[in-house]
Amino acid sequence: MSEENETSSLFGQVTVQLQVDEELVIRQAMKLAGTESVVEYIIQASIMQATRDLAGQTVFSLDKDKASEFLAALDHPPEPNDALKELFAHKTIIE
């Protein structure tokens, strides 16, 4: 999409059948996340999962010079700054 707030009607209306316990889990998580509706929560959760799935499939194509530059940066990373130290001081949702 070219604009962040652009909407899509690719899927139109989606109907989902859930077990009662599955719906309860989703509703509890929705309230915890502070979302306005189950639909909003499901959309946000779907986007987060899709982003994670796509992150593992990302391929970087670099020319020879850029590849050498990239590998050199990996071999000699800069010292961590305060923001990076703070970021790694906390466990992620995946850990």
PDB file of N, CA and C in Angstrom:
ATOM      1  N   MET A   1       0.835  -1.180   0.000  1.00  0.00           N
ATOM      2  CA  MET A   1       0.000   0.000   0.000  1.00  0.00           C
ATOM      3  C   MET A   1       0.877   1.239   0.000  1.00  0.00           C
ATOM      4  N   SER A   2       0.436   2.245  -0.685  1.00  0.00           N
ATOM      5  CA  SER A   2       1.231   3.449  -0.793  1.00  0.00           C
ATOM      6  C   SER A   2       1.064   4.372   0.408  1.00  0.00           C
ATOM      7  N   GLU A   3      -0.079   4.369   1.039  1.00  0.00           N
ATOM      8  CA  GLU A   3      -0.318   5.229   2.192  1.00  0.00           C
ATOM      9  C   GLU A   3      -0.644   4.382   3.412  1.00  0.00           C
ATOM     10  N   GLU A   4      -0.143   4.833   4.562  1.00  0.00           N
ATOM     11  CA  GLU A   4      -0.308   4.067   5.795  1.00  0.00           C
ATOM     12  C   GLU A   4      -1.766   3.878   6.194  1.00  0.00           C
ATOM     13  N   ASN A   5      -2.606   4.879   5.993  1.00  0.00           N
ATOM     14  CA  ASN A   5      -4.002   4.808   6.426  1.00  0.00           C
ATOM     15  C   ASN A   5      -4.954   4.310   5.350  1.00  0.00           C
ATOM     16  N   GLU A   6      -4.433   3.899   4.224  1.00  0.00           N
ATOM     17  CA  GLU A   6      -5.272   3.391   3.140  1.00  0.00           C
ATOM     18  C   GLU A   6      -5.918   2.082   3.589  1.00  0.00           C
ATOM     19  N   THR A   7      -7.161   1.873   3.227  1.00  0.00           N
ATOM     20  CA  THR A   7      -7.845   0.646   3.624  1.00  0.00           C
ATOM     21  C   THR A   7      -7.956  -0.304   2.447  1.00  0.00           C
ATOM     22  N   SER A   8      -8.213  -1.569   2.772  1.00  0.00           N
ATOM     23  CA  SER A   8      -8.318  -2.598   1.746  1.00  0.00           C
ATOM     24  C   SER A   8      -9.581  -3.407   1.975  1.00  0.00           C
ATOM     25  N   SER A   9     -10.252  -3.758   0.904  1.00  0.00           N
ATOM     26  CA  SER A   9     -11.412  -4.639   1.021  1.00  0.00           C
ATOM     27  C   SER A   9     -11.107  -5.973   0.357  1.00  0.00           C
ATOM     28  N   LEU A  10      -9.833  -6.359   0.395  1.00  0.00           N
ATOM     29  CA  LEU A  10      -9.386  -7.590  -0.242  1.00  0.00           C
ATOM     30  C   LEU A  10     -10.195  -8.788   0.223  1.00  0.00           C
ATOM     31  N   PHE A  11     -10.431  -8.886   1.512  1.00  0.00           N
ATOM     32  CA  PHE A  11     -11.119 -10.045   2.051  1.00  0.00           C
ATOM     33  C   PHE A  11     -12.609  -9.821   2.256  1.00  0.00           C
ATOM     34  N   GLY A  12     -13.033  -8.574   2.261  1.00  0.00           N
ATOM     35  CA  GLY A  12     -14.439  -8.311   2.523  1.00  0.00           C
ATOM     36  C   GLY A  12     -14.794  -8.733   3.938  1.00  0.00           C
ATOM     37  N   GLN A  13     -15.834  -9.495   4.090  1.00  0.00           N
ATOM     38  CA  GLN A  13     -16.273  -9.957   5.398  1.00  0.00           C
ATOM     39  C   GLN A  13     -15.733 -11.361   5.640  1.00  0.00           C
ATOM     40  N   VAL A  14     -15.240 -11.592   6.843  1.00  0.00           N
ATOM     41  CA  VAL A  14     -14.704 -12.892   7.227  1.00  0.00           C
ATOM     42  C   VAL A  14     -15.525 -13.414   8.396  1.00  0.00           C
ATOM     43  N   THR A  15     -15.986 -14.642   8.302  1.00  0.00           N
ATOM     44  CA  THR A  15     -16.723 -15.279   9.387  1.00  0.00           C
ATOM     45  C   THR A  15     -15.831 -16.354   9.983  1.00  0.00           C
ATOM     46  N   VAL A  16     -15.740 -16.358  11.305  1.00  0.00           N
ATOM     47  CA  VAL A  16     -14.872 -17.312  11.996  1.00  0.00           C
ATOM     48  C   VAL A  16     -15.694 -18.071  13.023  1.00  0.00           C
ATOM     49  N   GLN A  17     -15.536 -19.381  13.054  1.00  0.00           N
ATOM     50  CA  GLN A  17     -16.187 -20.195  14.079  1.00  0.00           C
ATOM     51  C   GLN A  17     -15.143 -20.575  15.120  1.00  0.00           C
ATOM     52  N   LEU A  18     -15.444 -20.245  16.369  1.00  0.00           N
ATOM     53  CA  LEU A  18     -14.526 -20.513  17.466  1.00  0.00           C
ATOM     54  C   LEU A  18     -15.195 -21.381  18.514  1.00  0.00           C
ATOM     55  N   GLN A  19     -14.377 -22.151  19.205  1.00  0.00           N
ATOM     56  CA  GLN A  19     -14.848 -22.847  20.389  1.00  0.00           C
ATOM     57  C   GLN A  19     -15.042 -21.786  21.477  1.00  0.00           C
ATOM     58  N   VAL A  20     -15.891 -22.053  22.443  1.00  0.00           N
ATOM     59  CA  VAL A  20     -16.177 -21.089  23.509  1.00  0.00           C
ATOM     60  C   VAL A  20     -14.896 -20.698  24.240  1.00  0.00           C
ATOM     61  N   ASP A  21     -14.049 -21.666  24.568  1.00  0.00           N
ATOM     62  CA  ASP A  21     -12.815 -21.357  25.289  1.00  0.00           C
ATOM     63  C   ASP A  21     -11.862 -20.511  24.442  1.00  0.00           C
ATOM     64  N   GLU A  22     -11.861 -20.703  23.137  1.00  0.00           N
ATOM     65  CA  GLU A  22     -11.022 -19.892  22.253  1.00  0.00           C
ATOM     66  C   GLU A  22     -11.501 -18.442  22.236  1.00  0.00           C
ATOM     67  N   GLU A  23     -12.805 -18.264  22.178  1.00  0.00           N
ATOM     68  CA  GLU A  23     -13.365 -16.911  22.182  1.00  0.00           C
ATOM     69  C   GLU A  23     -13.057 -16.204  23.503  1.00  0.00           C
ATOM     70  N   LEU A  24     -13.146 -16.937  24.614  1.00  0.00           N
ATOM     71  CA  LEU A  24     -12.841 -16.336  25.916  1.00  0.00           C
ATOM     72  C   LEU A  24     -11.393 -15.867  25.982  1.00  0.00           C
ATOM     73  N   VAL A  25     -10.483 -16.669  25.463  1.00  0.00           N
ATOM     74  CA  VAL A  25      -9.063 -16.290  25.451  1.00  0.00           C
ATOM     75  C   VAL A  25      -8.874 -15.020  24.622  1.00  0.00           C
ATOM     76  N   ILE A  26      -9.489 -14.978  23.459  1.00  0.00           N
ATOM     77  CA  ILE A  26      -9.366 -13.804  22.591  1.00  0.00           C
ATOM     78  C   ILE A  26      -9.960 -12.573  23.266  1.00  0.00           C
ATOM     79  N   ARG A  27     -11.111 -12.718  23.896  1.00  0.00           N
ATOM     80  CA  ARG A  27     -11.740 -11.569  24.567  1.00  0.00           C
ATOM     81  C   ARG A  27     -10.893 -11.074  25.749  1.00  0.00           C
ATOM     82  N   GLN A  28     -10.287 -12.003  26.502  1.00  0.00           N
ATOM     83  CA  GLN A  28      -9.419 -11.599  27.612  1.00  0.00           C
ATOM     84  C   GLN A  28      -8.201 -10.843  27.085  1.00  0.00           C
ATOM     85  N   ALA A  29      -7.599 -11.380  26.035  1.00  0.00           N
ATOM     86  CA  ALA A  29      -6.426 -10.724  25.451  1.00  0.00           C
ATOM     87  C   ALA A  29      -6.793  -9.364  24.866  1.00  0.00           C
ATOM     88  N   MET A  30      -7.963  -9.272  24.261  1.00  0.00           N
ATOM     89  CA  MET A  30      -8.446  -8.019  23.688  1.00  0.00           C
ATOM     90  C   MET A  30      -8.540  -6.950  24.767  1.00  0.00           C
ATOM     91  N   LYS A  31      -9.113  -7.302  25.905  1.00  0.00           N
ATOM     92  CA  LYS A  31      -9.243  -6.347  27.006  1.00  0.00           C
ATOM     93  C   LYS A  31      -7.873  -5.950  27.541  1.00  0.00           C
ATOM     94  N   LEU A  32      -6.978  -6.927  27.679  1.00  0.00           N
ATOM     95  CA  LEU A  32      -5.630  -6.658  28.171  1.00  0.00           C
ATOM     96  C   LEU A  32      -4.879  -5.723  27.225  1.00  0.00           C
ATOM     97  N   ALA A  33      -5.073  -5.915  25.928  1.00  0.00           N
ATOM     98  CA  ALA A  33      -4.401  -5.081  24.923  1.00  0.00           C
ATOM     99  C   ALA A  33      -5.040  -3.702  24.803  1.00  0.00           C
ATOM    100  N   GLY A  34      -6.237  -3.549  25.359  1.00  0.00           N
ATOM    101  CA  GLY A  34      -6.920  -2.262  25.298  1.00  0.00           C
ATOM    102  C   GLY A  34      -7.527  -1.948  23.942  1.00  0.00           C
ATOM    103  N   THR A  35      -7.818  -2.974  23.167  1.00  0.00           N
ATOM    104  CA  THR A  35      -8.447  -2.740  21.868  1.00  0.00           C
ATOM    105  C   THR A  35      -9.948  -2.559  22.046  1.00  0.00           C
ATOM    106  N   GLU A  36     -10.550  -1.897  21.084  1.00  0.00           N
ATOM    107  CA  GLU A  36     -11.966  -1.539  21.158  1.00  0.00           C
ATOM    108  C   GLU A  36     -12.909  -2.707  20.874  1.00  0.00           C
ATOM    109  N   SER A  37     -12.461  -3.660  20.051  1.00  0.00           N
ATOM    110  CA  SER A  37     -13.355  -4.745  19.647  1.00  0.00           C
ATOM    111  C   SER A  37     -12.554  -6.004  19.351  1.00  0.00           C
ATOM    112  N   VAL A  38     -13.265  -7.121  19.295  1.00  0.00           N
ATOM    113  CA  VAL A  38     -12.633  -8.391  18.941  1.00  0.00           C
ATOM    114  C   VAL A  38     -12.059  -8.301  17.530  1.00  0.00           C
ATOM    115  N   VAL A  39     -12.792  -7.692  16.621  1.00  0.00           N
ATOM    116  CA  VAL A  39     -12.319  -7.569  15.234  1.00  0.00           C
ATOM    117  C   VAL A  39     -11.009  -6.784  15.187  1.00  0.00           C
ATOM    118  N   GLU A  40     -10.957  -5.665  15.904  1.00  0.00           N
ATOM    119  CA  GLU A  40      -9.733  -4.860  15.945  1.00  0.00           C
ATOM    120  C   GLU A  40      -8.578  -5.688  16.501  1.00  0.00           C
ATOM    121  N   TYR A  41      -8.831  -6.429  17.585  1.00  0.00           N
ATOM    122  CA  TYR A  41      -7.787  -7.256  18.182  1.00  0.00           C
ATOM    123  C   TYR A  41      -7.302  -8.326  17.203  1.00  0.00           C
ATOM    124  N   ILE A  42      -8.227  -9.004  16.543  1.00  0.00           N
ATOM    125  CA  ILE A  42      -7.857 -10.064  15.599  1.00  0.00           C
ATOM    126  C   ILE A  42      -7.043  -9.489  14.441  1.00  0.00           C
ATOM    127  N   ILE A  43      -7.426  -8.315  13.951  1.00  0.00           N
ATOM    128  CA  ILE A  43      -6.666  -7.684  12.867  1.00  0.00           C
ATOM    129  C   ILE A  43      -5.254  -7.353  13.341  1.00  0.00           C
ATOM    130  N   GLN A  44      -5.132  -6.742  14.516  1.00  0.00           N
ATOM    131  CA  GLN A  44      -3.810  -6.392  15.041  1.00  0.00           C
ATOM    132  C   GLN A  44      -2.958  -7.639  15.258  1.00  0.00           C
ATOM    133  N   ALA A  45      -3.548  -8.678  15.845  1.00  0.00           N
ATOM    134  CA  ALA A  45      -2.807  -9.919  16.093  1.00  0.00           C
ATOM    135  C   ALA A  45      -2.390 -10.579  14.783  1.00  0.00           C
ATOM    136  N   SER A  46      -3.259 -10.534  13.791  1.00  0.00           N
ATOM    137  CA  SER A  46      -2.938 -11.117  12.483  1.00  0.00           C
ATOM    138  C   SER A  46      -1.791 -10.375  11.819  1.00  0.00           C
ATOM    139  N   ILE A  47      -1.816  -9.058  11.908  1.00  0.00           N
ATOM    140  CA  ILE A  47      -0.741  -8.259  11.318  1.00  0.00           C
ATOM    141  C   ILE A  47       0.579  -8.530  12.025  1.00  0.00           C
ATOM    142  N   MET A  48       0.556  -8.620  13.367  1.00  0.00           N
ATOM    143  CA  MET A  48       1.782  -8.925  14.111  1.00  0.00           C
ATOM    144  C   MET A  48       2.349 -10.276  13.697  1.00  0.00           C
ATOM    145  N   GLN A  49       1.494 -11.291  13.604  1.00  0.00           N
ATOM    146  CA  GLN A  49       1.958 -12.621  13.228  1.00  0.00           C
ATOM    147  C   GLN A  49       2.461 -12.630  11.789  1.00  0.00           C
ATOM    148  N   ALA A  50       1.763 -11.956  10.896  1.00  0.00           N
ATOM    149  CA  ALA A  50       2.196 -11.891   9.497  1.00  0.00           C
ATOM    150  C   ALA A  50       3.560 -11.218   9.389  1.00  0.00           C
ATOM    151  N   THR A  51       3.766 -10.171  10.184  1.00  0.00           N
ATOM    152  CA  THR A  51       5.054  -9.482  10.186  1.00  0.00           C
ATOM    153  C   THR A  51       6.160 -10.416  10.655  1.00  0.00           C
ATOM    154  N   ARG A  52       5.903 -11.183  11.723  1.00  0.00           N
ATOM    155  CA  ARG A  52       6.894 -12.163  12.199  1.00  0.00           C
ATOM    156  C   ARG A  52       7.178 -13.216  11.137  1.00  0.00           C
ATOM    157  N   ASP A  53       6.126 -13.725  10.509  1.00  0.00           N
ATOM    158  CA  ASP A  53       6.298 -14.752   9.477  1.00  0.00           C
ATOM    159  C   ASP A  53       7.124 -14.220   8.310  1.00  0.00           C
ATOM    160  N   LEU A  54       6.834 -13.004   7.893  1.00  0.00           N
ATOM    161  CA  LEU A  54       7.561 -12.414   6.770  1.00  0.00           C
ATOM    162  C   LEU A  54       8.994 -12.057   7.133  1.00  0.00           C
ATOM    163  N   ALA A  55       9.240 -11.711   8.390  1.00  0.00           N
ATOM    164  CA  ALA A  55      10.593 -11.353   8.816  1.00  0.00           C
ATOM    165  C   ALA A  55      11.557 -12.513   8.602  1.00  0.00           C
ATOM    166  N   GLY A  56      11.087 -13.723   8.784  1.00  0.00           N
ATOM    167  CA  GLY A  56      11.927 -14.894   8.570  1.00  0.00           C
ATOM    168  C   GLY A  56      12.161 -15.203   7.109  1.00  0.00           C
ATOM    169  N   GLN A  57      11.414 -14.577   6.235  1.00  0.00           N
ATOM    170  CA  GLN A  57      11.529 -14.834   4.801  1.00  0.00           C
ATOM    171  C   GLN A  57      12.222 -13.698   4.054  1.00  0.00           C
ATOM    172  N   THR A  58      12.740 -12.726   4.775  1.00  0.00           N
ATOM    173  CA  THR A  58      13.359 -11.576   4.134  1.00  0.00           C
ATOM    174  C   THR A  58      14.702 -11.955   3.535  1.00  0.00           C
ATOM    175  N   VAL A  59      14.925 -11.537   2.315  1.00  0.00           N
ATOM    176  CA  VAL A  59      16.185 -11.785   1.621  1.00  0.00           C
ATOM    177  C   VAL A  59      16.815 -10.439   1.306  1.00  0.00           C
ATOM    178  N   PHE A  60      18.086 -10.301   1.615  1.00  0.00           N
ATOM    179  CA  PHE A  60      18.811  -9.082   1.307  1.00  0.00           C
ATOM    180  C   PHE A  60      19.665  -9.323   0.074  1.00  0.00           C
ATOM    181  N   SER A  61      19.446  -8.550  -0.946  1.00  0.00           N
ATOM    182  CA  SER A  61      20.250  -8.645  -2.166  1.00  0.00           C
ATOM    183  C   SER A  61      21.183  -7.447  -2.215  1.00  0.00           C
ATOM    184  N   LEU A  62      22.483  -7.720  -2.166  1.00  0.00           N
ATOM    185  CA  LEU A  62      23.476  -6.648  -2.163  1.00  0.00           C
ATOM    186  C   LEU A  62      24.493  -6.887  -3.269  1.00  0.00           C
ATOM    187  N   ASP A  63      24.985  -5.789  -3.840  1.00  0.00           N
ATOM    188  CA  ASP A  63      26.074  -5.955  -4.801  1.00  0.00           C
ATOM    189  C   ASP A  63      27.352  -6.272  -4.019  1.00  0.00           C
ATOM    190  N   LYS A  64      28.425  -6.579  -4.720  1.00  0.00           N
ATOM    191  CA  LYS A  64      29.662  -7.040  -4.081  1.00  0.00           C
ATOM    192  C   LYS A  64      30.198  -6.026  -3.072  1.00  0.00           C
ATOM    193  N   ASP A  65      30.216  -4.744  -3.445  1.00  0.00           N
ATOM    194  CA  ASP A  65      30.739  -3.713  -2.539  1.00  0.00           C
ATOM    195  C   ASP A  65      29.882  -3.571  -1.284  1.00  0.00           C
ATOM    196  N   LYS A  66      28.564  -3.528  -1.462  1.00  0.00           N
ATOM    197  CA  LYS A  66      27.662  -3.402  -0.312  1.00  0.00           C
ATOM    198  C   LYS A  66      27.717  -4.647   0.570  1.00  0.00           C
ATOM    199  N   ALA A  67      27.870  -5.826  -0.047  1.00  0.00           N
ATOM    200  CA  ALA A  67      27.979  -7.066   0.727  1.00  0.00           C
ATOM    201  C   ALA A  67      29.242  -7.044   1.579  1.00  0.00           C
ATOM    202  N   SER A  68      30.348  -6.582   1.017  1.00  0.00           N
ATOM    203  CA  SER A  68      31.605  -6.477   1.775  1.00  0.00           C
ATOM    204  C   SER A  68      31.461  -5.494   2.927  1.00  0.00           C
ATOM    205  N   GLU A  69      30.810  -4.370   2.652  1.00  0.00           N
ATOM    206  CA  GLU A  69      30.562  -3.357   3.682  1.00  0.00           C
ATOM    207  C   GLU A  69      29.688  -3.926   4.802  1.00  0.00           C
ATOM    208  N   PHE A  70      28.656  -4.663   4.427  1.00  0.00           N
ATOM    209  CA  PHE A  70      27.745  -5.273   5.398  1.00  0.00           C
ATOM    210  C   PHE A  70      28.481  -6.292   6.269  1.00  0.00           C
ATOM    211  N   LEU A  71      29.277  -7.158   5.640  1.00  0.00           N
ATOM    212  CA  LEU A  71      30.027  -8.167   6.394  1.00  0.00           C
ATOM    213  C   LEU A  71      31.045  -7.517   7.322  1.00  0.00           C
ATOM    214  N   ALA A  72      31.687  -6.446   6.881  1.00  0.00           N
ATOM    215  CA  ALA A  72      32.635  -5.726   7.735  1.00  0.00           C
ATOM    216  C   ALA A  72      31.920  -5.143   8.954  1.00  0.00           C
ATOM    217  N   ALA A  73      30.721  -4.617   8.751  1.00  0.00           N
ATOM    218  CA  ALA A  73      29.944  -4.072   9.873  1.00  0.00           C
ATOM    219  C   ALA A  73      29.557  -5.173  10.856  1.00  0.00           C
ATOM    220  N   LEU A  74      29.241  -6.363  10.340  1.00  0.00           N
ATOM    221  CA  LEU A  74      28.923  -7.489  11.227  1.00  0.00           C
ATOM    222  C   LEU A  74      30.151  -7.943  12.004  1.00  0.00           C
ATOM    223  N   ASP A  75      31.307  -7.920  11.352  1.00  0.00           N
ATOM    224  CA  ASP A  75      32.553  -8.337  12.006  1.00  0.00           C
ATOM    225  C   ASP A  75      33.035  -7.324  13.035  1.00  0.00           C
ATOM    226  N   HIS A  76      32.687  -6.051  12.861  1.00  0.00           N
ATOM    227  CA  HIS A  76      33.154  -4.986  13.754  1.00  0.00           C
ATOM    228  C   HIS A  76      31.987  -4.074  14.137  1.00  0.00           C
ATOM    229  N   PRO A  77      31.062  -4.587  14.953  1.00  0.00           N
ATOM    230  CA  PRO A  77      29.896  -3.764  15.328  1.00  0.00           C
ATOM    231  C   PRO A  77      30.309  -2.630  16.263  1.00  0.00           C
ATOM    232  N   PRO A  78      29.554  -1.538  16.257  1.00  0.00           N
ATOM    233  CA  PRO A  78      29.837  -0.443  17.192  1.00  0.00           C
ATOM    234  C   PRO A  78      29.484  -0.870  18.615  1.00  0.00           C
ATOM    235  N   GLU A  79      30.009  -0.130  19.572  1.00  0.00           N
ATOM    236  CA  GLU A  79      29.675  -0.389  20.974  1.00  0.00           C
ATOM    237  C   GLU A  79      28.188  -0.099  21.190  1.00  0.00           C
ATOM    238  N   PRO A  80      27.511  -0.903  22.012  1.00  0.00           N
ATOM    239  CA  PRO A  80      26.083  -0.656  22.262  1.00  0.00           C
ATOM    240  C   PRO A  80      25.869   0.688  22.962  1.00  0.00           C
ATOM    241  N   ASN A  81      24.857   1.426  22.514  1.00  0.00           N
ATOM    242  CA  ASN A  81      24.521   2.690  23.171  1.00  0.00           C
ATOM    243  C   ASN A  81      23.496   2.419  24.279  1.00  0.00           C
ATOM    244  N   ASP A  82      23.126   3.457  25.008  1.00  0.00           N
ATOM    245  CA  ASP A  82      22.201   3.292  26.140  1.00  0.00           C
ATOM    246  C   ASP A  82      20.848   2.733  25.707  1.00  0.00           C
ATOM    247  N   ALA A  83      20.346   3.187  24.564  1.00  0.00           N
ATOM    248  CA  ALA A  83      19.039   2.713  24.086  1.00  0.00           C
ATOM    249  C   ALA A  83      19.081   1.220  23.781  1.00  0.00           C
ATOM    250  N   LEU A  84      20.164   0.749  23.185  1.00  0.00           N
ATOM    251  CA  LEU A  84      20.285  -0.675  22.873  1.00  0.00           C
ATOM    252  C   LEU A  84      20.418  -1.498  24.152  1.00  0.00           C
ATOM    253  N   LYS A  85      21.184  -1.003  25.102  1.00  0.00           N
ATOM    254  CA  LYS A  85      21.317  -1.704  26.383  1.00  0.00           C
ATOM    255  C   LYS A  85      19.956  -1.823  27.078  1.00  0.00           C
ATOM    256  N   GLU A  86      19.180  -0.747  27.039  1.00  0.00           N
ATOM    257  CA  GLU A  86      17.840  -0.758  27.641  1.00  0.00           C
ATOM    258  C   GLU A  86      16.937  -1.760  26.926  1.00  0.00           C
ATOM    259  N   LEU A  87      17.008  -1.781  25.605  1.00  0.00           N
ATOM    260  CA  LEU A  87      16.188  -2.695  24.812  1.00  0.00           C
ATOM    261  C   LEU A  87      16.467  -4.148  25.185  1.00  0.00           C
ATOM    262  N   PHE A  88      17.737  -4.506  25.309  1.00  0.00           N
ATOM    263  CA  PHE A  88      18.092  -5.888  25.596  1.00  0.00           C
ATOM    264  C   PHE A  88      18.016  -6.242  27.079  1.00  0.00           C
ATOM    265  N   ALA A  89      17.715  -5.270  27.923  1.00  0.00           N
ATOM    266  CA  ALA A  89      17.580  -5.534  29.356  1.00  0.00           C
ATOM    267  C   ALA A  89      16.252  -6.211  29.686  1.00  0.00           C
ATOM    268  N   HIS A  90      15.309  -6.195  28.746  1.00  0.00           N
ATOM    269  CA  HIS A  90      13.977  -6.754  28.980  1.00  0.00           C
ATOM    270  C   HIS A  90      13.721  -7.928  28.052  1.00  0.00           C
ATOM    271  N   LYS A  91      13.033  -8.935  28.584  1.00  0.00           N
ATOM    272  CA  LYS A  91      12.656 -10.083  27.758  1.00  0.00           C
ATOM    273  C   LYS A  91      11.589  -9.668  26.756  1.00  0.00           C
ATOM    274  N   THR A  92      11.622 -10.302  25.601  1.00  0.00           N
ATOM    275  CA  THR A  92      10.596 -10.050  24.595  1.00  0.00           C
ATOM    276  C   THR A  92       9.441 -11.013  24.809  1.00  0.00           C
ATOM    277  N   ILE A  93       8.368 -10.807  24.078  1.00  0.00           N
ATOM    278  CA  ILE A  93       7.205 -11.688  24.170  1.00  0.00           C
ATOM    279  C   ILE A  93       7.560 -13.110  23.720  1.00  0.00           C
ATOM    280  N   ILE A  94       8.568 -13.242  22.885  1.00  0.00           N
ATOM    281  CA  ILE A  94       8.970 -14.547  22.359  1.00  0.00           C
ATOM    282  C   ILE A  94       9.793 -15.330  23.371  1.00  0.00           C
ATOM    283  N   GLU A  95      10.489 -14.628  24.275  1.00  0.00           N
ATOM    284  CA  GLU A  95      11.350 -15.310  25.251  1.00  0.00           C
ATOM    285  C   GLU A  95      10.557 -15.897  26.391  1.00  0.00           C
TER     286      GLU A  95
END
